[in-house]
Protein backbone atom coordinates (compact mmCIF):
# COMPACT_ATOMS: atom_id res chain seq x y z
CA MET A 1 69.25 101.22 105.98
CA ALA A 2 66.10 99.22 105.29
CA ALA A 3 66.27 95.44 105.65
CA THR A 4 65.33 95.01 101.99
CA THR A 5 68.26 97.17 100.89
CA ARG A 6 70.68 95.26 103.13
CA ARG A 7 69.48 91.94 101.67
CA ARG A 8 69.85 93.19 98.10
CA ILE A 9 73.39 94.41 98.77
CA ALA A 10 74.28 91.15 100.51
CA THR A 11 72.91 89.15 97.57
CA ARG A 12 74.88 91.23 95.09
CA ALA A 13 78.03 90.75 97.20
CA ARG A 14 77.78 87.00 96.71
CA ILE A 15 77.71 87.34 92.92
CA ALA A 16 80.42 90.00 92.56
CA ASP A 17 83.38 87.92 91.41
CA THR A 18 86.80 89.02 90.25
CA GLY A 19 86.01 88.42 86.59
CA SER A 20 82.92 90.61 86.63
CA VAL A 21 84.77 93.38 88.46
CA VAL A 22 87.63 93.31 85.96
CA ALA A 23 85.00 93.56 83.20
CA ILE A 24 83.46 96.59 84.95
CA ALA A 25 86.89 98.23 85.16
CA GLN A 26 87.59 97.46 81.50
CA LYS A 27 84.25 98.96 80.48
CA HIS A 28 84.31 102.06 82.68
CA CYS A 29 87.85 102.81 83.87
CA VAL A 30 90.67 101.80 81.57
CA ALA A 31 89.90 104.17 78.70
CA CYS A 32 91.55 106.76 80.98
CA HIS A 33 93.28 104.72 83.71
CA ALA A 34 95.63 102.61 81.62
CA ILE A 35 99.27 102.47 80.69
CA ARG A 36 98.12 103.69 77.25
CA PRO A 37 94.76 105.43 77.66
CA THR A 38 92.46 105.34 74.63
CA HIS A 39 90.39 108.36 75.74
CA GLU A 40 91.37 111.33 73.60
CA ALA A 41 91.55 113.68 76.60
CA PHE A 42 94.22 111.70 78.45
CA PRO A 43 97.66 111.04 76.99
CA GLU A 44 98.54 109.27 80.25
CA ALA A 45 96.61 107.87 83.21
CA PRO A 46 95.31 110.71 85.42
CA LYS A 47 97.47 111.02 88.54
CA GLY A 48 99.28 107.87 87.40
CA VAL A 49 96.35 105.72 88.56
CA ARG A 50 96.08 102.62 86.39
CA LEU A 51 93.22 100.17 86.88
CA GLU A 52 93.99 97.43 84.37
CA THR A 53 94.83 94.55 86.71
CA VAL A 54 93.40 92.97 89.84
CA GLU A 55 96.49 94.13 91.71
CA GLU A 56 95.94 97.72 90.60
CA LEU A 57 92.26 97.56 91.54
CA ARG A 58 93.28 96.35 95.01
CA ARG A 59 96.01 99.00 95.32
CA TYR A 60 93.54 101.80 94.61
CA ALA A 61 90.55 100.24 96.40
CA VAL A 62 90.05 103.19 98.76
CA LEU A 63 90.04 105.71 95.91
CA ILE A 64 87.74 103.55 93.79
CA GLU A 65 85.35 103.18 96.71
CA GLN A 66 85.30 106.96 97.27
CA GLN A 67 85.07 108.03 93.63
CA ALA A 68 83.00 105.33 91.90
CA VAL A 69 81.04 103.50 94.60
CA ARG A 70 80.10 105.99 97.33
CA SER A 71 79.77 108.80 94.78
CA ASP A 72 79.40 109.04 91.04
CA VAL A 73 82.42 111.28 90.46
CA MET A 74 83.94 108.51 88.34
CA PRO A 75 83.72 107.68 85.59
CA LEU A 76 84.07 111.35 84.80
CA GLY A 77 80.63 112.69 83.89
CA ASN A 78 79.51 109.06 83.83
CA GLU A 79 80.56 109.15 80.19
CA THR A 80 80.51 105.35 79.99
CA GLY A 81 77.11 104.94 81.65
CA MET A 82 78.14 103.01 84.77
CA THR A 83 74.99 101.64 86.41
CA ASP A 84 74.07 101.55 90.08
CA ASP A 85 74.27 97.74 89.93
CA GLU A 86 77.82 97.92 88.59
CA ARG A 87 78.74 100.35 91.37
CA ARG A 88 77.25 97.96 93.96
CA ASP A 89 79.11 94.98 92.46
CA LEU A 90 82.35 96.93 92.49
CA GLY A 91 81.78 98.01 96.09
CA ALA A 92 80.89 94.48 97.18
CA TRP A 93 84.06 93.10 95.64
CA LEU A 94 86.23 95.84 97.10
CA GLY A 95 84.71 95.21 100.52
CA GLY A 96 85.35 91.48 100.26
CA GLU A 97 88.92 91.65 99.08
């Protein structure tokens, strides 16, 4: 990894706070991964995975890292338009928790 990339990731890690990560989850995850999903395709959270609280985000940190940070599998089809910066913020927070 280039030094510039490492510095950018390290800088983003310092600004990834819990509030911004919860906002990312609200924007990109909870339409499907909620106790009452609002996405028309999901009457219940897929695989029972809910991501509405900090505790739930921590509980599923490994899955979130695999599906939404290291890959772009989630959000499904990137329907909500999750950006690379949001993925980096999410990853930085998960790595720091």
